Amino acid sequence: MNRSSLRSQGSGSRYLYEPFDSAHARIEALERVLDERWAALEGSLKKIDEAVDRLEKRLWVAVFGVATAMLGQLVSVVMDGRFHP
């Protein structure tokens, strides 16, 4: 029996008789891998951005805390009468 007779009978897998484009399958697999890597990278960048935002908020709280402490010291000095311009 040759391939043409098997094909006409309809028995067996179509992958035995149809050509398989391995390059195309490899490209599709690489595209899926790259899509997953891109999604992971975007997720990582989003987490980094959120961490930077939290850090920025903490720094501003620290700056305002120091400014408040300095103003409190100034008010204390002025109220005690120790400030002579």
PDB file of N, CA and C in Angstrom:
ATOM      1  N   MET A   1       0.833  -1.185   0.000  1.00  0.00           N
ATOM      2  CA  MET A   1       0.000   0.000   0.000  1.00  0.00           C
ATOM      3  C   MET A   1       0.872   1.241   0.000  1.00  0.00           C
ATOM      4  N   ASN A   2       0.523   2.214  -0.778  1.00  0.00           N
ATOM      5  CA  ASN A   2       1.269   3.467  -0.779  1.00  0.00           C
ATOM      6  C   ASN A   2       0.441   4.554  -0.101  1.00  0.00           C
ATOM      7  N   ARG A   3       1.030   5.717   0.028  1.00  0.00           N
ATOM      8  CA  ARG A   3       0.359   6.809   0.766  1.00  0.00           C
ATOM      9  C   ARG A   3      -0.938   7.257   0.117  1.00  0.00           C
ATOM     10  N   SER A   4      -0.951   7.317  -1.178  1.00  0.00           N
ATOM     11  CA  SER A   4      -2.162   7.794  -1.844  1.00  0.00           C
ATOM     12  C   SER A   4      -3.338   6.859  -1.595  1.00  0.00           C
ATOM     13  N   SER A   5      -3.086   5.553  -1.523  1.00  0.00           N
ATOM     14  CA  SER A   5      -4.185   4.631  -1.271  1.00  0.00           C
ATOM     15  C   SER A   5      -4.669   4.732   0.180  1.00  0.00           C
ATOM     16  N   LEU A   6      -3.716   4.968   1.122  1.00  0.00           N
ATOM     17  CA  LEU A   6      -4.124   5.155   2.517  1.00  0.00           C
ATOM     18  C   LEU A   6      -4.917   6.440   2.687  1.00  0.00           C
ATOM     19  N   ARG A   7      -4.486   7.450   1.980  1.00  0.00           N
ATOM     20  CA  ARG A   7      -5.161   8.741   2.091  1.00  0.00           C
ATOM     21  C   ARG A   7      -6.580   8.649   1.541  1.00  0.00           C
ATOM     22  N   SER A   8      -6.734   7.969   0.476  1.00  0.00           N
ATOM     23  CA  SER A   8      -8.062   7.858  -0.113  1.00  0.00           C
ATOM     24  C   SER A   8      -8.988   7.026   0.768  1.00  0.00           C
ATOM     25  N   GLN A   9      -8.424   6.121   1.555  1.00  0.00           N
ATOM     26  CA  GLN A   9      -9.252   5.298   2.432  1.00  0.00           C
ATOM     27  C   GLN A   9      -9.708   6.076   3.663  1.00  0.00           C
ATOM     28  N   GLY A  10      -8.956   7.150   4.026  1.00  0.00           N
ATOM     29  CA  GLY A  10      -9.356   7.965   5.164  1.00  0.00           C
ATOM     30  C   GLY A  10      -8.923   7.382   6.492  1.00  0.00           C
ATOM     31  N   SER A  11      -8.036   6.418   6.493  1.00  0.00           N
ATOM     32  CA  SER A  11      -7.594   5.839   7.752  1.00  0.00           C
ATOM     33  C   SER A  11      -6.306   6.505   8.206  1.00  0.00           C
ATOM     34  N   GLY A  12      -6.070   6.508   9.497  1.00  0.00           N
ATOM     35  CA  GLY A  12      -4.842   7.067  10.028  1.00  0.00           C
ATOM     36  C   GLY A  12      -4.963   8.551  10.315  1.00  0.00           C
ATOM     37  N   SER A  13      -3.884   9.093  10.807  1.00  0.00           N
ATOM     38  CA  SER A  13      -3.850  10.497  11.200  1.00  0.00           C
ATOM     39  C   SER A  13      -3.534  11.377   9.998  1.00  0.00           C
ATOM     40  N   ARG A  14      -4.108  12.527   9.985  1.00  0.00           N
ATOM     41  CA  ARG A  14      -3.824  13.449   8.891  1.00  0.00           C
ATOM     42  C   ARG A  14      -2.391  13.958   8.982  1.00  0.00           C
ATOM     43  N   TYR A  15      -1.806  13.923  10.181  1.00  0.00           N
ATOM     44  CA  TYR A  15      -0.433  14.389  10.351  1.00  0.00           C
ATOM     45  C   TYR A  15       0.578  13.452   9.695  1.00  0.00           C
ATOM     46  N   LEU A  16       0.148  12.250   9.383  1.00  0.00           N
ATOM     47  CA  LEU A  16       1.042  11.328   8.681  1.00  0.00           C
ATOM     48  C   LEU A  16       1.174  11.690   7.208  1.00  0.00           C
ATOM     49  N   TYR A  17       0.196  12.387   6.683  1.00  0.00           N
ATOM     50  CA  TYR A  17       0.154  12.631   5.246  1.00  0.00           C
ATOM     51  C   TYR A  17       0.320  14.094   4.868  1.00  0.00           C
ATOM     52  N   GLU A  18      -0.062  15.008   5.756  1.00  0.00           N
ATOM     53  CA  GLU A  18       0.062  16.432   5.449  1.00  0.00           C
ATOM     54  C   GLU A  18       1.407  16.946   5.939  1.00  0.00           C
ATOM     55  N   PRO A  19       1.995  17.848   5.205  1.00  0.00           N
ATOM     56  CA  PRO A  19       3.299  18.376   5.645  1.00  0.00           C
ATOM     57  C   PRO A  19       3.121  19.230   6.898  1.00  0.00           C
ATOM     58  N   PHE A  20       4.098  19.174   7.755  1.00  0.00           N
ATOM     59  CA  PHE A  20       4.067  19.937   9.006  1.00  0.00           C
ATOM     60  C   PHE A  20       5.105  21.048   8.896  1.00  0.00           C
ATOM     61  N   ASP A  21       4.667  22.257   9.081  1.00  0.00           N
ATOM     62  CA  ASP A  21       5.565  23.407   8.991  1.00  0.00           C
ATOM     63  C   ASP A  21       6.134  23.676  10.378  1.00  0.00           C
ATOM     64  N   SER A  22       7.288  23.101  10.662  1.00  0.00           N
ATOM     65  CA  SER A  22       7.872  23.236  11.994  1.00  0.00           C
ATOM     66  C   SER A  22       8.338  24.664  12.263  1.00  0.00           C
ATOM     67  N   ALA A  23       8.753  25.364  11.226  1.00  0.00           N
ATOM     68  CA  ALA A  23       9.199  26.751  11.422  1.00  0.00           C
ATOM     69  C   ALA A  23       8.034  27.620  11.890  1.00  0.00           C
ATOM     70  N   HIS A  24       6.874  27.403  11.281  1.00  0.00           N
ATOM     71  CA  HIS A  24       5.698  28.189  11.665  1.00  0.00           C
ATOM     72  C   HIS A  24       5.296  27.877  13.106  1.00  0.00           C
ATOM     73  N   ALA A  25       5.322  26.605  13.458  1.00  0.00           N
ATOM     74  CA  ALA A  25       4.983  26.223  14.833  1.00  0.00           C
ATOM     75  C   ALA A  25       5.988  26.797  15.816  1.00  0.00           C
ATOM     76  N   ARG A  26       7.252  26.805  15.452  1.00  0.00           N
ATOM     77  CA  ARG A  26       8.294  27.357  16.323  1.00  0.00           C
ATOM     78  C   ARG A  26       8.083  28.858  16.509  1.00  0.00           C
ATOM     79  N   ILE A  27       7.733  29.545  15.438  1.00  0.00           N
ATOM     80  CA  ILE A  27       7.496  30.995  15.528  1.00  0.00           C
ATOM     81  C   ILE A  27       6.290  31.275  16.428  1.00  0.00           C
ATOM     82  N   GLU A  28       5.230  30.491  16.271  1.00  0.00           N
ATOM     83  CA  GLU A  28       4.055  30.685  17.124  1.00  0.00           C
ATOM     84  C   GLU A  28       4.395  30.444  18.596  1.00  0.00           C
ATOM     85  N   ALA A  29       5.188  29.416  18.845  1.00  0.00           N
ATOM     86  CA  ALA A  29       5.576  29.129  20.227  1.00  0.00           C
ATOM     87  C   ALA A  29       6.421  30.265  20.794  1.00  0.00           C
ATOM     88  N   LEU A  30       7.340  30.780  20.012  1.00  0.00           N
ATOM     89  CA  LEU A  30       8.162  31.906  20.475  1.00  0.00           C
ATOM     90  C   LEU A  30       7.322  33.148  20.715  1.00  0.00           C
ATOM     91  N   GLU A  31       6.326  33.382  19.869  1.00  0.00           N
ATOM     92  CA  GLU A  31       5.441  34.538  20.070  1.00  0.00           C
ATOM     93  C   GLU A  31       4.667  34.399  21.372  1.00  0.00           C
ATOM     94  N   ARG A  32       4.199  33.175  21.669  1.00  0.00           N
ATOM     95  CA  ARG A  32       3.478  32.966  22.941  1.00  0.00           C
ATOM     96  C   ARG A  32       4.401  33.189  24.130  1.00  0.00           C
ATOM     97  N   VAL A  33       5.633  32.704  24.019  1.00  0.00           N
ATOM     98  CA  VAL A  33       6.601  32.900  25.106  1.00  0.00           C
ATOM     99  C   VAL A  33       6.895  34.383  25.279  1.00  0.00           C
ATOM    100  N   LEU A  34       7.091  35.097  24.186  1.00  0.00           N
ATOM    101  CA  LEU A  34       7.370  36.535  24.272  1.00  0.00           C
ATOM    102  C   LEU A  34       6.181  37.299  24.845  1.00  0.00           C
ATOM    103  N   ASP A  35       4.969  36.889  24.491  1.00  0.00           N
ATOM    104  CA  ASP A  35       3.780  37.531  25.061  1.00  0.00           C
ATOM    105  C   ASP A  35       3.720  37.326  26.571  1.00  0.00           C
ATOM    106  N   GLU A  36       4.035  36.117  27.023  1.00  0.00           N
ATOM    107  CA  GLU A  36       4.041  35.847  28.458  1.00  0.00           C
ATOM    108  C   GLU A  36       5.132  36.635  29.168  1.00  0.00           C
ATOM    109  N   ARG A  37       6.302  36.709  28.548  1.00  0.00           N
ATOM    110  CA  ARG A  37       7.390  37.490  29.154  1.00  0.00           C
ATOM    111  C   ARG A  37       7.032  38.964  29.215  1.00  0.00           C
ATOM    112  N   TRP A  38       6.390  39.469  28.160  1.00  0.00           N
ATOM    113  CA  TRP A  38       5.990  40.885  28.143  1.00  0.00           C
ATOM    114  C   TRP A  38       4.970  41.160  29.242  1.00  0.00           C
ATOM    115  N   ALA A  39       4.018  40.241  29.409  1.00  0.00           N
ATOM    116  CA  ALA A  39       3.017  40.402  30.472  1.00  0.00           C
ATOM    117  C   ALA A  39       3.680  40.383  31.841  1.00  0.00           C
ATOM    118  N   ALA A  40       4.643  39.496  32.029  1.00  0.00           N
ATOM    119  CA  ALA A  40       5.362  39.437  33.306  1.00  0.00           C
ATOM    120  C   ALA A  40       6.157  40.723  33.534  1.00  0.00           C
ATOM    121  N   LEU A  41       6.775  41.241  32.482  1.00  0.00           N
ATOM    122  CA  LEU A  41       7.532  42.486  32.601  1.00  0.00           C
ATOM    123  C   LEU A  41       6.619  43.654  32.957  1.00  0.00           C
ATOM    124  N   GLU A  42       5.460  43.713  32.312  1.00  0.00           N
ATOM    125  CA  GLU A  42       4.506  44.778  32.641  1.00  0.00           C
ATOM    126  C   GLU A  42       4.047  44.670  34.085  1.00  0.00           C
ATOM    127  N   GLY A  43       3.821  43.446  34.562  1.00  0.00           N
ATOM    128  CA  GLY A  43       3.430  43.254  35.962  1.00  0.00           C
ATOM    129  C   GLY A  43       4.522  43.705  36.911  1.00  0.00           C
ATOM    130  N   SER A  44       5.764  43.376  36.582  1.00  0.00           N
ATOM    131  CA  SER A  44       6.889  43.793  37.426  1.00  0.00           C
ATOM    132  C   SER A  44       7.024  45.309  37.441  1.00  0.00           C
ATOM    133  N   LEU A  45       6.880  45.929  36.275  1.00  0.00           N
ATOM    134  CA  LEU A  45       6.981  47.385  36.212  1.00  0.00           C
ATOM    135  C   LEU A  45       5.851  48.059  36.983  1.00  0.00           C
ATOM    136  N   LYS A  46       4.675  47.457  36.958  1.00  0.00           N
ATOM    137  CA  LYS A  46       3.553  48.016  37.720  1.00  0.00           C
ATOM    138  C   LYS A  46       3.840  47.946  39.218  1.00  0.00           C
ATOM    139  N   LYS A  47       4.404  46.810  39.668  1.00  0.00           N
ATOM    140  CA  LYS A  47       4.750  46.678  41.090  1.00  0.00           C
ATOM    141  C   LYS A  47       5.836  47.679  41.485  1.00  0.00           C
ATOM    142  N   ILE A  48       6.824  47.877  40.617  1.00  0.00           N
ATOM    143  CA  ILE A  48       7.891  48.845  40.903  1.00  0.00           C
ATOM    144  C   ILE A  48       7.323  50.247  40.972  1.00  0.00           C
ATOM    145  N   ASP A  49       6.417  50.576  40.049  1.00  0.00           N
ATOM    146  CA  ASP A  49       5.805  51.904  40.044  1.00  0.00           C
ATOM    147  C   ASP A  49       5.007  52.141  41.328  1.00  0.00           C
ATOM    148  N   GLU A  50       4.269  51.135  41.772  1.00  0.00           N
ATOM    149  CA  GLU A  50       3.513  51.269  43.017  1.00  0.00           C
ATOM    150  C   GLU A  50       4.456  51.444  44.208  1.00  0.00           C
ATOM    151  N   ALA A  51       5.573  50.715  44.214  1.00  0.00           N
ATOM    152  CA  ALA A  51       6.540  50.843  45.312  1.00  0.00           C
ATOM    153  C   ALA A  51       7.166  52.230  45.320  1.00  0.00           C
ATOM    154  N   VAL A  52       7.464  52.781  44.144  1.00  0.00           N
ATOM    155  CA  VAL A  52       8.035  54.133  44.064  1.00  0.00           C
ATOM    156  C   VAL A  52       7.020  55.161  44.546  1.00  0.00           C
ATOM    157  N   ASP A  53       5.749  54.973  44.193  1.00  0.00           N
ATOM    158  CA  ASP A  53       4.713  55.888  44.680  1.00  0.00           C
ATOM    159  C   ASP A  53       4.614  55.858  46.202  1.00  0.00           C
ATOM    160  N   ARG A  54       4.664  54.651  46.788  1.00  0.00           N
ATOM    161  CA  ARG A  54       4.613  54.552  48.256  1.00  0.00           C
ATOM    162  C   ARG A  54       5.830  55.214  48.885  1.00  0.00           C
ATOM    163  N   LEU A  55       7.004  55.009  48.294  1.00  0.00           N
ATOM    164  CA  LEU A  55       8.223  55.621  48.812  1.00  0.00           C
ATOM    165  C   LEU A  55       8.136  57.144  48.743  1.00  0.00           C
ATOM    166  N   GLU A  56       7.613  57.648  47.631  1.00  0.00           N
ATOM    167  CA  GLU A  56       7.472  59.097  47.480  1.00  0.00           C
ATOM    168  C   GLU A  56       6.547  59.665  48.552  1.00  0.00           C
ATOM    169  N   LYS A  57       5.448  58.981  48.831  1.00  0.00           N
ATOM    170  CA  LYS A  57       4.534  59.442  49.877  1.00  0.00           C
ATOM    171  C   LYS A  57       5.223  59.461  51.237  1.00  0.00           C
ATOM    172  N   ARG A  58       6.013  58.406  51.515  1.00  0.00           N
ATOM    173  CA  ARG A  58       6.726  58.362  52.792  1.00  0.00           C
ATOM    174  C   ARG A  58       7.746  59.485  52.899  1.00  0.00           C
ATOM    175  N   LEU A  59       8.426  59.777  51.813  1.00  0.00           N
ATOM    176  CA  LEU A  59       9.412  60.866  51.843  1.00  0.00           C
ATOM    177  C   LEU A  59       8.740  62.205  52.088  1.00  0.00           C
ATOM    178  N   TRP A  60       7.584  62.422  51.448  1.00  0.00           N
ATOM    179  CA  TRP A  60       6.885  63.684  51.681  1.00  0.00           C
ATOM    180  C   TRP A  60       6.404  63.798  53.126  1.00  0.00           C
ATOM    181  N   VAL A  61       5.950  62.688  53.698  1.00  0.00           N
ATOM    182  CA  VAL A  61       5.541  62.708  55.108  1.00  0.00           C
ATOM    183  C   VAL A  61       6.736  63.056  55.986  1.00  0.00           C
ATOM    184  N   ALA A  62       7.911  62.497  55.653  1.00  0.00           N
ATOM    185  CA  ALA A  62       9.118  62.806  56.424  1.00  0.00           C
ATOM    186  C   ALA A  62       9.490  64.280  56.281  1.00  0.00           C
ATOM    187  N   VAL A  63       9.409  64.819  55.069  1.00  0.00           N
ATOM    188  CA  VAL A  63       9.738  66.234  54.851  1.00  0.00           C
ATOM    189  C   VAL A  63       8.788  67.131  55.629  1.00  0.00           C
ATOM    190  N   PHE A  64       7.486  66.837  55.550  1.00  0.00           N
ATOM    191  CA  PHE A  64       6.525  67.648  56.290  1.00  0.00           C
ATOM    192  C   PHE A  64       6.693  67.483  57.793  1.00  0.00           C
ATOM    193  N   GLY A  65       7.096  66.289  58.235  1.00  0.00           N
ATOM    194  CA  GLY A  65       7.350  66.073  59.659  1.00  0.00           C
ATOM    195  C   GLY A  65       8.517  66.909  60.150  1.00  0.00           C
ATOM    196  N   VAL A  66       9.604  66.953  59.377  1.00  0.00           N
ATOM    197  CA  VAL A  66      10.764  67.771  59.754  1.00  0.00           C
ATOM    198  C   VAL A  66      10.389  69.250  59.741  1.00  0.00           C
ATOM    199  N   ALA A  67       9.648  69.681  58.725  1.00  0.00           N
ATOM    200  CA  ALA A  67       9.230  71.091  58.653  1.00  0.00           C
ATOM    201  C   ALA A  67       8.334  71.444  59.842  1.00  0.00           C
ATOM    202  N   THR A  68       7.449  70.534  60.200  1.00  0.00           N
ATOM    203  CA  THR A  68       6.567  70.782  61.348  1.00  0.00           C
ATOM    204  C   THR A  68       7.369  70.864  62.639  1.00  0.00           C
ATOM    205  N   ALA A  69       8.350  69.991  62.801  1.00  0.00           N
ATOM    206  CA  ALA A  69       9.184  70.028  64.006  1.00  0.00           C
ATOM    207  C   ALA A  69       9.966  71.335  64.083  1.00  0.00           C
ATOM    208  N   MET A  70      10.506  71.794  62.951  1.00  0.00           N
ATOM    209  CA  MET A  70      11.253  73.055  62.948  1.00  0.00           C
ATOM    210  C   MET A  70      10.336  74.232  63.262  1.00  0.00           C
ATOM    211  N   LEU A  71       9.153  74.239  62.690  1.00  0.00           N
ATOM    212  CA  LEU A  71       8.202  75.324  62.997  1.00  0.00           C
ATOM    213  C   LEU A  71       7.783  75.271  64.460  1.00  0.00           C
ATOM    214  N   GLY A  72       7.628  74.077  64.984  1.00  0.00           N
ATOM    215  CA  GLY A  72       7.293  73.945  66.411  1.00  0.00           C
ATOM    216  C   GLY A  72       8.391  74.500  67.294  1.00  0.00           C
ATOM    217  N   GLN A  73       9.634  74.219  66.945  1.00  0.00           N
ATOM    218  CA  GLN A  73      10.762  74.772  67.709  1.00  0.00           C
ATOM    219  C   GLN A  73      10.777  76.297  67.612  1.00  0.00           C
ATOM    220  N   LEU A  74      10.521  76.831  66.420  1.00  0.00           N
ATOM    221  CA  LEU A  74      10.498  78.285  66.237  1.00  0.00           C
ATOM    222  C   LEU A  74       9.385  78.916  67.067  1.00  0.00           C
ATOM    223  N   VAL A  75       8.219  78.323  67.048  1.00  0.00           N
ATOM    224  CA  VAL A  75       7.100  78.842  67.834  1.00  0.00           C
ATOM    225  C   VAL A  75       7.427  78.766  69.324  1.00  0.00           C
ATOM    226  N   SER A  76       8.074  77.710  69.752  1.00  0.00           N
ATOM    227  CA  SER A  76       8.446  77.564  71.158  1.00  0.00           C
ATOM    228  C   SER A  76       9.429  78.653  71.571  1.00  0.00           C
ATOM    229  N   VAL A  77      10.407  78.927  70.717  1.00  0.00           N
ATOM    230  CA  VAL A  77      11.394  79.974  71.022  1.00  0.00           C
ATOM    231  C   VAL A  77      10.710  81.328  71.073  1.00  0.00           C
ATOM    232  N   VAL A  78       9.824  81.610  70.118  1.00  0.00           N
ATOM    233  CA  VAL A  78       9.140  82.907  70.082  1.00  0.00           C
ATOM    234  C   VAL A  78       8.230  83.048  71.311  1.00  0.00           C
ATOM    235  N   MET A  79       7.554  81.999  71.689  1.00  0.00           N
ATOM    236  CA  MET A  79       6.631  82.079  72.826  1.00  0.00           C
ATOM    237  C   MET A  79       7.396  82.264  74.147  1.00  0.00           C
ATOM    238  N   ASP A  80       8.594  81.695  74.240  1.00  0.00           N
ATOM    239  CA  ASP A  80       9.394  81.866  75.464  1.00  0.00           C
ATOM    240  C   ASP A  80      10.064  83.235  75.509  1.00  0.00           C
ATOM    241  N   GLY A  81      10.075  83.945  74.432  1.00  0.00           N
ATOM    242  CA  GLY A  81      10.691  85.267  74.398  1.00  0.00           C
ATOM    243  C   GLY A  81      12.189  85.226  74.201  1.00  0.00           C
ATOM    244  N   ARG A  82      12.744  84.115  73.761  1.00  0.00           N
ATOM    245  CA  ARG A  82      14.173  84.011  73.570  1.00  0.00           C
ATOM    246  C   ARG A  82      14.597  84.474  72.178  1.00  0.00           C
ATOM    247  N   PHE A  83      13.649  84.836  71.349  1.00  0.00           N
ATOM    248  CA  PHE A  83      13.955  85.215  69.979  1.00  0.00           C
ATOM    249  C   PHE A  83      14.095  86.738  69.918  1.00  0.00           C
ATOM    250  N   HIS A  84      15.282  87.200  69.558  1.00  0.00           N
ATOM    251  CA  HIS A  84      15.538  88.645  69.436  1.00  0.00           C
ATOM    252  C   HIS A  84      16.072  88.924  68.038  1.00  0.00           C
ATOM    253  N   PRO A  85      15.237  89.397  67.157  1.00  0.00           N
ATOM    254  CA  PRO A  85      15.718  89.667  65.787  1.00  0.00           C
ATOM    255  C   PRO A  85      16.634  90.826  65.662  1.00  0.00           C
TER     256      PRO A  85
END
